[in-house]
C-alpha atoms as a PDB file:
ATOM      1  CA  MET A   1       0.000   0.000   0.000  1.00  0.00           C
ATOM      2  CA  ALA A   2       1.359   3.420  -0.981  1.00  0.00           C
ATOM      3  CA  GLU A   3       2.394   5.743   1.814  1.00  0.00           C
ATOM      4  CA  ARG A   4      -0.265   8.355   2.525  1.00  0.00           C
ATOM      5  CA  THR A   5       0.521  12.034   3.030  1.00  0.00           C
ATOM      6  CA  LEU A   6      -1.246  14.429   5.386  1.00  0.00           C
ATOM      7  CA  LEU A   7      -0.982  18.194   4.983  1.00  0.00           C
ATOM      8  CA  VAL A   8      -1.606  20.412   8.002  1.00  0.00           C
ATOM      9  CA  ALA A   9      -3.141  23.722   6.955  1.00  0.00           C
ATOM     10  CA  ASN A  10      -1.792  25.438  10.050  1.00  0.00           C
ATOM     11  CA  ARG A  11       1.417  26.427  11.791  1.00  0.00           C
ATOM     12  CA  GLY A  12       3.403  26.325  15.026  1.00  0.00           C
ATOM     13  CA  GLU A  13       2.803  23.925  17.888  1.00  0.00           C
ATOM     14  CA  ILE A  14      -0.528  22.844  16.409  1.00  0.00           C
ATOM     15  CA  ALA A  15       1.153  21.493  13.278  1.00  0.00           C
ATOM     16  CA  VAL A  16       4.124  20.037  15.184  1.00  0.00           C
ATOM     17  CA  ARG A  17       1.894  17.959  17.449  1.00  0.00           C
ATOM     18  CA  ILE A  18      -0.128  16.648  14.504  1.00  0.00           C
ATOM     19  CA  PHE A  19       3.085  15.740  12.659  1.00  0.00           C
ATOM     20  CA  ASP A  20       4.265  13.825  15.742  1.00  0.00           C
ATOM     21  CA  THR A  21       1.110  11.725  15.651  1.00  0.00           C
ATOM     22  CA  CYS A  22       1.502  11.208  11.899  1.00  0.00           C
ATOM     23  CA  ARG A  23       4.976   9.766  12.436  1.00  0.00           C
ATOM     24  CA  ARG A  24       3.586   7.261  14.928  1.00  0.00           C
ATOM     25  CA  LEU A  25       0.905   6.296  12.393  1.00  0.00           C
ATOM     26  CA  GLY A  26       3.361   5.963   9.530  1.00  0.00           C
ATOM     27  CA  LEU A  27       1.984   8.928   7.571  1.00  0.00           C
ATOM     28  CA  ARG A  28       4.128  11.213   5.457  1.00  0.00           C
ATOM     29  CA  THR A  29       3.716  14.898   6.406  1.00  0.00           C
ATOM     30  CA  ALA A  30       3.470  18.178   4.535  1.00  0.00           C
ATOM     31  CA  ALA A  31       3.694  21.658   6.048  1.00  0.00           C
ATOM     32  CA  VAL A  32       2.593  25.008   4.685  1.00  0.00           C
ATOM     33  CA  VAL A  33       4.922  27.965   5.134  1.00  0.00           C
ATOM     34  CA  GLY A  34       3.255  31.344   5.509  1.00  0.00           C
ATOM     35  CA  PRO A  35       5.080  34.682   5.253  1.00  0.00           C
ATOM     36  CA  GLY A  36       7.544  35.064   8.107  1.00  0.00           C
ATOM     37  CA  ASP A  37       7.453  31.365   9.008  1.00  0.00           C
ATOM     38  CA  GLU A  38      10.421  30.343   6.878  1.00  0.00           C
ATOM     39  CA  GLY A  39      12.563  28.042   9.021  1.00  0.00           C
ATOM     40  CA  ALA A  40       9.923  27.725  11.760  1.00  0.00           C
ATOM     41  CA  LEU A  41       9.876  24.436  13.668  1.00  0.00           C
ATOM     42  CA  HIS A  42       6.755  23.079  11.973  1.00  0.00           C
ATOM     43  CA  THR A  43       8.420  23.545   8.582  1.00  0.00           C
ATOM     44  CA  ARG A  44      11.539  21.664   9.711  1.00  0.00           C
ATOM     45  CA  VAL A  45       9.889  18.595  11.218  1.00  0.00           C
ATOM     46  CA  ALA A  46       7.616  17.889   8.227  1.00  0.00           C
ATOM     47  CA  ASP A  47       8.731  15.680   5.350  1.00  0.00           C
ATOM     48  CA  VAL A  48       8.016  18.480   2.890  1.00  0.00           C
ATOM     49  CA  ALA A  49       7.276  22.185   3.299  1.00  0.00           C
ATOM     50  CA  ILE A  50       5.645  24.368   0.649  1.00  0.00           C
ATOM     51  CA  PRO A  51       5.211  28.160   0.739  1.00  0.00           C
ATOM     52  CA  VAL A  52       1.712  29.656   0.817  1.00  0.00           C
ATOM     53  CA  ALA A  53       0.724  33.311   0.667  1.00  0.00           C
ATOM     54  CA  SER A  54      -1.758  33.054   3.532  1.00  0.00           C
ATOM     55  CA  TYR A  55      -3.054  30.511   6.023  1.00  0.00           C
ATOM     56  CA  LEU A  56      -6.516  31.927   5.258  1.00  0.00           C
ATOM     57  CA  ASP A  57      -6.528  31.311   1.482  1.00  0.00           C
ATOM     58  CA  ALA A  58      -8.545  28.136   1.012  1.00  0.00           C
ATOM     59  CA  ASP A  59      -7.843  27.815  -2.722  1.00  0.00           C
ATOM     60  CA  ALA A  60      -4.109  28.236  -2.190  1.00  0.00           C
ATOM     61  CA  LEU A  61      -4.085  25.647   0.589  1.00  0.00           C
ATOM     62  CA  VAL A  62      -5.887  23.112  -1.605  1.00  0.00           C
ATOM     63  CA  ALA A  63      -3.411  23.792  -4.420  1.00  0.00           C
ATOM     64  CA  VAL A  64      -0.497  23.277  -2.033  1.00  0.00           C
ATOM     65  CA  ALA A  65      -2.021  20.010  -0.812  1.00  0.00           C
ATOM     66  CA  ARG A  66      -2.173  18.762  -4.391  1.00  0.00           C
ATOM     67  CA  ALA A  67       1.372  19.916  -5.091  1.00  0.00           C
ATOM     68  CA  ALA A  68       2.568  18.020  -2.010  1.00  0.00           C
ATOM     69  CA  GLY A  69       0.837  14.854  -3.157  1.00  0.00           C
ATOM     70  CA  ALA A  70      -1.324  14.896  -0.025  1.00  0.00           C
ATOM     71  CA  ASP A  71      -4.217  12.500   0.461  1.00  0.00           C
ATOM     72  CA  LEU A  72      -5.501  14.126   3.648  1.00  0.00           C
ATOM     73  CA  VAL A  73      -5.826  17.694   4.955  1.00  0.00           C
ATOM     74  CA  HIS A  74      -5.927  18.499   8.663  1.00  0.00           C
ATOM     75  CA  PRO A  75      -6.916  22.106   9.476  1.00  0.00           C
ATOM     76  CA  GLY A  76      -5.583  22.165  13.042  1.00  0.00           C
ATOM     77  CA  TYR A  77      -7.545  24.792  14.967  1.00  0.00           C
ATOM     78  CA  GLY A  78      -8.072  28.469  14.347  1.00  0.00           C
ATOM     79  CA  PHE A  79      -7.530  29.903  10.852  1.00  0.00           C
ATOM     80  CA  LEU A  80      -9.889  27.920   8.555  1.00  0.00           C
ATOM     81  CA  ALA A  81     -10.503  24.972  10.908  1.00  0.00           C
ATOM     82  CA  GLU A  82     -14.204  25.798  11.253  1.00  0.00           C
ATOM     83  CA  SER A  83     -14.742  26.934   7.666  1.00  0.00           C
ATOM     84  CA  ALA A  84     -17.387  24.832   5.939  1.00  0.00           C
ATOM     85  CA  ALA A  85     -16.295  26.318   2.604  1.00  0.00           C
ATOM     86  CA  PHE A  86     -12.710  25.116   3.124  1.00  0.00           C
ATOM     87  CA  ALA A  87     -13.902  21.641   4.106  1.00  0.00           C
ATOM     88  CA  GLU A  88     -16.027  21.513   0.958  1.00  0.00           C
ATOM     89  CA  ALA A  89     -13.119  22.692  -1.207  1.00  0.00           C
ATOM     90  CA  VAL A  90     -10.905  19.937   0.199  1.00  0.00           C
ATOM     91  CA  GLY A  91     -13.555  17.321  -0.543  1.00  0.00           C
ATOM     92  CA  ALA A  92     -14.191  18.707  -4.024  1.00  0.00           C
ATOM     93  CA  ALA A  93     -10.485  18.283  -4.765  1.00  0.00           C
ATOM     94  CA  GLY A  94     -10.767  14.576  -3.998  1.00  0.00           C
ATOM     95  CA  LEU A  95      -8.887  14.882  -0.707  1.00  0.00           C
ATOM     96  CA  ILE A  96      -9.914  13.635   2.733  1.00  0.00           C
ATOM     97  CA  TRP A  97     -10.883  16.332   5.235  1.00  0.00           C
ATOM     98  CA  VAL A  98      -9.713  15.395   8.736  1.00  0.00           C
ATOM     99  CA  GLY A  99     -12.383  17.209  10.715  1.00  0.00           C
ATOM    100  CA  PRO A 100     -16.115  17.737  11.121  1.00  0.00           C
ATOM    101  CA  PRO A 101     -18.224  17.567   7.943  1.00  0.00           C
ATOM    102  CA  PRO A 102     -19.180  20.857   6.270  1.00  0.00           C
ATOM    103  CA  ALA A 103     -22.838  20.615   7.317  1.00  0.00           C
ATOM    104  CA  ALA A 104     -21.844  20.238  10.974  1.00  0.00           C
ATOM    105  CA  LEU A 105     -19.436  23.175  10.729  1.00  0.00           C
ATOM    106  CA  ARG A 106     -22.145  25.303   9.158  1.00  0.00           C
ATOM    107  CA  GLY A 107     -24.814  24.327  11.695  1.00  0.00           C
ATOM    108  CA  GLY A 108     -22.516  24.682  14.697  1.00  0.00           C
ATOM    109  CA  GLY A 109     -20.980  27.934  13.471  1.00  0.00           C
ATOM    110  CA  ASP A 110     -24.252  29.849  13.248  1.00  0.00           C
ATOM    111  CA  LYS A 111     -25.353  30.496  16.819  1.00  0.00           C
ATOM    112  CA  LEU A 112     -29.027  30.913  15.914  1.00  0.00           C
ATOM    113  CA  GLU A 113     -29.051  27.649  13.967  1.00  0.00           C
ATOM    114  CA  ALA A 114     -27.137  25.954  16.788  1.00  0.00           C
ATOM    115  CA  LYS A 115     -29.758  27.144  19.282  1.00  0.00           C
ATOM    116  CA  ARG A 116     -32.507  25.739  17.052  1.00  0.00           C
ATOM    117  CA  ILE A 117     -30.768  22.362  16.806  1.00  0.00           C
ATOM    118  CA  ALA A 118     -30.136  22.307  20.549  1.00  0.00           C
ATOM    119  CA  ALA A 119     -33.756  23.088  21.386  1.00  0.00           C
ATOM    120  CA  ALA A 120     -34.976  20.357  19.032  1.00  0.00           C
ATOM    121  CA  ALA A 121     -32.623  17.917  20.791  1.00  0.00           C
ATOM    122  CA  GLY A 122     -33.948  18.890  24.229  1.00  0.00           C
ATOM    123  CA  VAL A 123     -30.803  20.800  25.184  1.00  0.00           C
ATOM    124  CA  PRO A 124     -31.526  24.022  27.144  1.00  0.00           C
ATOM    125  CA  THR A 125     -30.340  27.355  25.759  1.00  0.00           C
ATOM    126  CA  LEU A 126     -30.498  30.899  27.062  1.00  0.00           C
ATOM    127  CA  PRO A 127     -33.779  32.631  26.171  1.00  0.00           C
ATOM    128  CA  MET A 128     -33.688  34.978  23.183  1.00  0.00           C
ATOM    129  CA  GLY A 129     -36.099  37.751  22.372  1.00  0.00           C
ATOM    130  CA  THR A 130     -36.695  41.447  22.099  1.00  0.00           C
ATOM    131  CA  PRO A 131     -35.397  43.798  24.788  1.00  0.00           C
ATOM    132  CA  ASP A 132     -38.952  44.206  26.042  1.00  0.00           C
ATOM    133  CA  GLU A 133     -39.297  40.442  26.420  1.00  0.00           C
ATOM    134  CA  LEU A 134     -35.918  39.911  28.074  1.00  0.00           C
ATOM    135  CA  GLY A 135     -35.636  43.014  30.216  1.00  0.00           C
ATOM    136  CA  PHE A 136     -32.299  44.428  31.349  1.00  0.00           C
ATOM    137  CA  PRO A 137     -29.488  43.599  31.640  1.00  0.00           C
ATOM    138  CA  LEU A 138     -29.298  41.645  28.401  1.00  0.00           C
ATOM    139  CA  LEU A 139     -26.567  40.448  26.054  1.00  0.00           C
ATOM    140  CA  VAL A 140     -26.224  41.512  22.416  1.00  0.00           C
ATOM    141  CA  LYS A 141     -24.451  38.726  20.551  1.00  0.00           C
ATOM    142  CA  ALA A 142     -23.210  38.053  17.014  1.00  0.00           C
ATOM    143  CA  THR A 143     -24.576  34.990  15.248  1.00  0.00           C
ATOM    144  CA  ALA A 144     -21.177  34.196  13.710  1.00  0.00           C
ATOM    145  CA  GLY A 145     -17.662  33.798  15.044  1.00  0.00           C
ATOM    146  CA  GLY A 146     -16.644  33.765  18.682  1.00  0.00           C
ATOM    147  CA  GLY A 147     -13.908  34.881  21.022  1.00  0.00           C
ATOM    148  CA  GLY A 148     -16.107  37.540  22.585  1.00  0.00           C
ATOM    149  CA  ARG A 149     -16.209  39.682  19.445  1.00  0.00           C
ATOM    150  CA  GLY A 150     -19.588  41.108  18.507  1.00  0.00           C
ATOM    151  CA  MET A 151     -20.808  40.930  22.129  1.00  0.00           C
ATOM    152  CA  ARG A 152     -22.076  43.739  24.338  1.00  0.00           C
ATOM    153  CA  VAL A 153     -23.711  43.710  27.773  1.00  0.00           C
ATOM    154  CA  VAL A 154     -26.564  46.230  27.933  1.00  0.00           C
ATOM    155  CA  HIS A 155     -27.623  47.358  31.414  1.00  0.00           C
ATOM    156  CA  ARG A 156     -30.098  50.087  30.459  1.00  0.00           C
ATOM    157  CA  ARG A 157     -32.399  50.847  27.541  1.00  0.00           C
ATOM    158  CA  ASP A 158     -30.530  54.047  26.680  1.00  0.00           C
ATOM    159  CA  GLU A 159     -27.407  51.934  25.986  1.00  0.00           C
ATOM    160  CA  LEU A 160     -29.183  49.594  23.574  1.00  0.00           C
ATOM    161  CA  ASP A 161     -28.886  51.380  20.219  1.00  0.00           C
ATOM    162  CA  ASP A 162     -25.169  52.049  20.609  1.00  0.00           C
ATOM    163  CA  ALA A 163     -24.559  48.448  21.728  1.00  0.00           C
ATOM    164  CA  LEU A 164     -26.460  46.973  18.771  1.00  0.00           C
ATOM    165  CA  GLU A 165     -24.581  49.178  16.319  1.00  0.00           C
ATOM    166  CA  ALA A 166     -21.160  48.496  17.860  1.00  0.00           C
ATOM    167  CA  ALA A 167     -21.685  44.729  18.100  1.00  0.00           C
ATOM    168  CA  SER A 168     -22.925  44.518  14.514  1.00  0.00           C
ATOM    169  CA  ARG A 169     -20.041  46.611  13.208  1.00  0.00           C
ATOM    170  CA  GLU A 170     -17.480  44.511  15.072  1.00  0.00           C
ATOM    171  CA  ALA A 171     -19.035  41.241  13.879  1.00  0.00           C
ATOM    172  CA  GLU A 172     -19.121  42.431  10.276  1.00  0.00           C
ATOM    173  CA  ALA A 173     -15.449  43.401  10.413  1.00  0.00           C
ATOM    174  CA  ALA A 174     -14.356  40.166  12.130  1.00  0.00           C
ATOM    175  CA  PHE A 175     -16.606  37.563  10.523  1.00  0.00           C
ATOM    176  CA  GLY A 176     -18.174  39.175   7.454  1.00  0.00           C
ATOM    177  CA  ASP A 177     -21.628  38.881   9.035  1.00  0.00           C
ATOM    178  CA  GLY A 178     -23.104  41.701  11.093  1.00  0.00           C
ATOM    179  CA  THR A 179     -26.201  39.802  12.259  1.00  0.00           C
ATOM    180  CA  VAL A 180     -26.763  40.108  16.014  1.00  0.00           C
ATOM    181  CA  TYR A 181     -29.466  39.039  18.443  1.00  0.00           C
ATOM    182  CA  CYS A 182     -30.406  39.586  22.090  1.00  0.00           C
ATOM    183  CA  GLU A 183     -30.433  36.941  24.792  1.00  0.00           C
ATOM    184  CA  ARG A 184     -30.711  36.685  28.564  1.00  0.00           C
ATOM    185  CA  TYR A 185     -27.595  37.869  30.384  1.00  0.00           C
ATOM    186  CA  LEU A 186     -26.045  35.860  33.212  1.00  0.00           C
ATOM    187  CA  ALA A 187     -23.857  38.002  35.458  1.00  0.00           C
ATOM    188  CA  HIS A 188     -21.616  35.367  37.054  1.00  0.00           C
ATOM    189  CA  PRO A 189     -22.034  31.945  35.426  1.00  0.00           C
ATOM    190  CA  ARG A 190     -19.478  29.181  35.326  1.00  0.00           C
ATOM    191  CA  HIS A 191     -18.134  28.272  31.908  1.00  0.00           C
ATOM    192  CA  VAL A 192     -17.948  24.488  31.535  1.00  0.00           C
ATOM    193  CA  GLU A 193     -16.826  22.610  28.449  1.00  0.00           C
ATOM    194  CA  VAL A 194     -17.167  18.983  27.386  1.00  0.00           C
ATOM    195  CA  GLN A 195     -14.643  17.297  25.092  1.00  0.00           C
ATOM    196  CA  LEU A 196     -16.384  15.218  22.442  1.00  0.00           C
ATOM    197  CA  ILE A 197     -15.386  12.698  19.805  1.00  0.00           C
ATOM    198  CA  GLY A 198     -17.732  11.491  17.077  1.00  0.00           C
ATOM    199  CA  ASP A 199     -17.498   9.060  14.167  1.00  0.00           C
ATOM    200  CA  ARG A 200     -19.271   8.775  10.835  1.00  0.00           C
ATOM    201  CA  HIS A 201     -21.490   5.996  12.177  1.00  0.00           C
ATOM    202  CA  GLY A 202     -23.354   8.315  14.558  1.00  0.00           C
ATOM    203  CA  THR A 203     -21.455   7.459  17.735  1.00  0.00           C
ATOM    204  CA  VAL A 204     -20.597  10.435  19.952  1.00  0.00           C
ATOM    205  CA  LEU A 205     -18.702  10.096  23.234  1.00  0.00           C
ATOM    206  CA  ALA A 206     -18.083  12.625  26.003  1.00  0.00           C
ATOM    207  CA  LEU A 207     -14.450  12.417  27.110  1.00  0.00           C
ATOM    208  CA  GLY A 208     -14.773  14.545  30.229  1.00  0.00           C
ATOM    209  CA  ALA A 209     -15.594  18.071  31.351  1.00  0.00           C
ATOM    210  CA  ARG A 210     -13.465  21.041  32.368  1.00  0.00           C
ATOM    211  CA  ASP A 211     -14.057  24.386  34.033  1.00  0.00           C
ATOM    212  CA  CYS A 212     -12.985  27.398  31.951  1.00  0.00           C
ATOM    213  CA  SER A 213     -14.506  30.159  34.069  1.00  0.00           C
ATOM    214  CA  VAL A 214     -11.281  32.112  34.623  1.00  0.00           C
ATOM    215  CA  GLN A 215     -11.264  34.387  31.583  1.00  0.00           C
ATOM    216  CA  ARG A 216     -10.019  37.741  30.392  1.00  0.00           C
ATOM    217  CA  ARG A 217     -12.017  39.513  27.688  1.00  0.00           C
ATOM    218  CA  HIS A 218     -13.917  36.273  27.013  1.00  0.00           C
ATOM    219  CA  GLN A 219     -10.638  34.408  26.449  1.00  0.00           C
ATOM    220  CA  LYS A 220      -9.903  31.439  28.699  1.00  0.00           C
ATOM    221  CA  VAL A 221      -6.909  31.814  30.987  1.00  0.00           C
ATOM    222  CA  VAL A 222      -7.126  28.604  33.059  1.00  0.00           C
ATOM    223  CA  GLU A 223      -8.836  25.284  32.330  1.00  0.00           C
ATOM    224  CA  GLU A 224      -9.319  22.797  35.161  1.00  0.00           C
ATOM    225  CA  SER A 225     -10.510  19.211  34.910  1.00  0.00           C
ATOM    226  CA  PRO A 226     -12.526  17.802  36.495  1.00  0.00           C
ATOM    227  CA  PRO A 227     -14.532  20.976  37.228  1.00  0.00           C
ATOM    228  CA  PRO A 228     -14.035  21.854  40.911  1.00  0.00           C
ATOM    229  CA  LYS A 229     -17.025  22.009  43.231  1.00  0.00           C
ATOM    230  CA  LEU A 230     -19.416  20.789  40.566  1.00  0.00           C
ATOM    231  CA  GLY A 231     -21.424  17.731  41.574  1.00  0.00           C
ATOM    232  CA  ARG A 232     -21.006  14.569  39.545  1.00  0.00           C
ATOM    233  CA  ALA A 233     -24.721  14.437  38.744  1.00  0.00           C
ATOM    234  CA  LEU A 234     -24.589  17.938  37.269  1.00  0.00           C
ATOM    235  CA  VAL A 235     -21.454  17.132  35.255  1.00  0.00           C
ATOM    236  CA  GLU A 236     -23.123  14.013  33.862  1.00  0.00           C
ATOM    237  CA  ARG A 237     -26.174  16.074  32.889  1.00  0.00           C
ATOM    238  CA  ILE A 238     -23.946  18.539  31.037  1.00  0.00           C
ATOM    239  CA  GLU A 239     -22.178  15.661  29.264  1.00  0.00           C
ATOM    240  CA  ARG A 240     -25.549  14.182  28.207  1.00  0.00           C
ATOM    241  CA  HIS A 241     -26.568  17.544  26.762  1.00  0.00           C
ATOM    242  CA  ALA A 242     -23.263  17.758  24.866  1.00  0.00           C
ATOM    243  CA  VAL A 243     -23.713  14.300  23.351  1.00  0.00           C
ATOM    244  CA  ALA A 244     -27.348  15.029  22.464  1.00  0.00           C
ATOM    245  CA  PHE A 245     -26.429  18.208  20.610  1.00  0.00           C
ATOM    246  CA  ALA A 246     -23.481  16.693  18.741  1.00  0.00           C
ATOM    247  CA  THR A 247     -25.591  13.685  17.767  1.00  0.00           C
ATOM    248  CA  ALA A 248     -28.349  15.936  16.420  1.00  0.00           C
ATOM    249  CA  LEU A 249     -25.699  17.885  14.479  1.00  0.00           C
ATOM    250  CA  GLU A 250     -24.317  14.595  13.041  1.00  0.00           C
ATOM    251  CA  TYR A 251     -20.933  15.678  14.304  1.00  0.00           C
ATOM    252  CA  GLU A 252     -17.733  13.824  13.436  1.00  0.00           C
ATOM    253  CA  SER A 253     -14.176  14.231  14.735  1.00  0.00           C
ATOM    254  CA  ALA A 254     -13.084  15.964  17.951  1.00  0.00           C
ATOM    255  CA  GLY A 255     -14.946  18.976  19.275  1.00  0.00           C
ATOM    256  CA  THR A 256     -15.793  21.013  22.339  1.00  0.00           C
ATOM    257  CA  ALA A 257     -19.330  21.739  23.541  1.00  0.00           C
ATOM    258  CA  GLU A 258     -19.503  24.831  25.738  1.00  0.00           C
ATOM    259  CA  PHE A 259     -22.066  25.540  28.453  1.00  0.00           C
ATOM    260  CA  LEU A 260     -22.916  28.211  30.990  1.00  0.00           C
ATOM    261  CA  VAL A 261     -23.820  26.947  34.457  1.00  0.00           C
ATOM    262  CA  ASP A 262     -25.790  29.172  36.807  1.00  0.00           C
ATOM    263  CA  GLY A 263     -26.524  27.340  40.035  1.00  0.00           C
ATOM    264  CA  ASP A 264     -28.352  24.200  38.958  1.00  0.00           C
ATOM    265  CA  GLU A 265     -29.282  25.625  35.550  1.00  0.00           C
ATOM    266  CA  VAL A 266     -27.313  24.597  32.467  1.00  0.00           C
ATOM    267  CA  PHE A 267     -27.414  26.395  29.116  1.00  0.00           C
ATOM    268  CA  PHE A 268     -25.784  25.320  25.862  1.00  0.00           C
ATOM    269  CA  LEU A 269     -23.479  27.997  24.473  1.00  0.00           C
ATOM    270  CA  GLU A 270     -21.789  26.669  21.324  1.00  0.00           C
ATOM    271  CA  LEU A 271     -19.794  23.832  19.809  1.00  0.00           C
ATOM    272  CA  ASN A 272     -16.288  24.385  18.464  1.00  0.00           C
ATOM    273  CA  GLY A 273     -14.380  22.033  16.199  1.00  0.00           C
END
């Protein structure tokens, strides 16, 4: 059987760790070299390294994969890892996408669609609605992207118009989609995540939970597993919700389901590939 080649459409430690696993599996490896990364570690540990103008150019990455003789493309995380269009382009080129299928990326990446899927699967989500329905404080949130961008907490009605405009503008600049919505705001919830793994046969497993509540500007600073001072029954309930959502999404590969926990209440937040 001919040796198979995997290209990692990413850089740095992410690519290095994937290459290490490839070596153990007997896979040949290909790295992409973005501007300024010439001679970087990930380019030196791969079997072949090919320049690319940008880690965000899907067409260029597919072309590089073909030039490297790759059979498989692994996106790593960040950059285009959650791009349904990139996953589709890889498949259209006759290559194997090592990640969630495009439909799952699309459904999980749109927060409104993800809320709809979660509700249909019996997974609780934070209430959405108009400011009059929700009251104040409330949270203005972008439907696309993540990382805290396109989010604004609104404490009073006279702050609402400015918050909607600012959140929409930020989301449009960051994600190319300025759609925002309003949902119930939780002042001091815990942020709990569940690691998932799914296969193409419909099996989804929860591999454990972790507490990610220590954050700065909506970016996690510390992750602790198992979540401290969170009862086992509650953790198991969160894990069941995570599996239910991923199953409804027909999710494959590794992923992270995120939840907010407020006392005994649990609310699905999003799923990241």
